[in-house]
Amino acid sequence: QVQLVESGGGSVQAGGSLRLSCTVSTTSERPFSRAGMGWFRQAPGKEREFVAGIIYNSASTYYADSVKGRFTISRDNAKGTLYLQMNTLKSEDTAVYYCGMAKTILTSRLVSNYDYWGQGTQVTVSS
């Protein structure tokens, strides 16, 4: 059974920082170290959108234009944990943030390329 649990969300003022974590429990058939991972977010009334992605060995990372230069995705395969460091937060970053496990060793900007998701963590940025 694969399980993803996000933590680290909260309320912060614009310009502040938060660090999200996603702890992943996997099986021998789907090891964390062999899975691309991604962070997505969903604001009320909007579709879930890609935020950042990282391939299985951290060699490549990808970001939405809206967060490039402010957010950093990373992973610790030994700990089975995915991170998202969010700096210089803006009110438009307010959303529920989800981590997802991709179906392959690569990451993707498409929701359909992920088959496991966490329950989400709320990030609220006040201006």
Foldseek 3Di string as FASTA:
>chain_A
DKAKAKDWADEEAAQAKIKMKIAIDDDPVDQQLWWKKFKWWDAPPGDIWGAKIAFNPRPDIDGDPVQPPFKDWDDDSVRRMIMIIGGRDDQVVWTWMKMFTFPGRGDDRDPVRTDDIHPTDTHGYHD
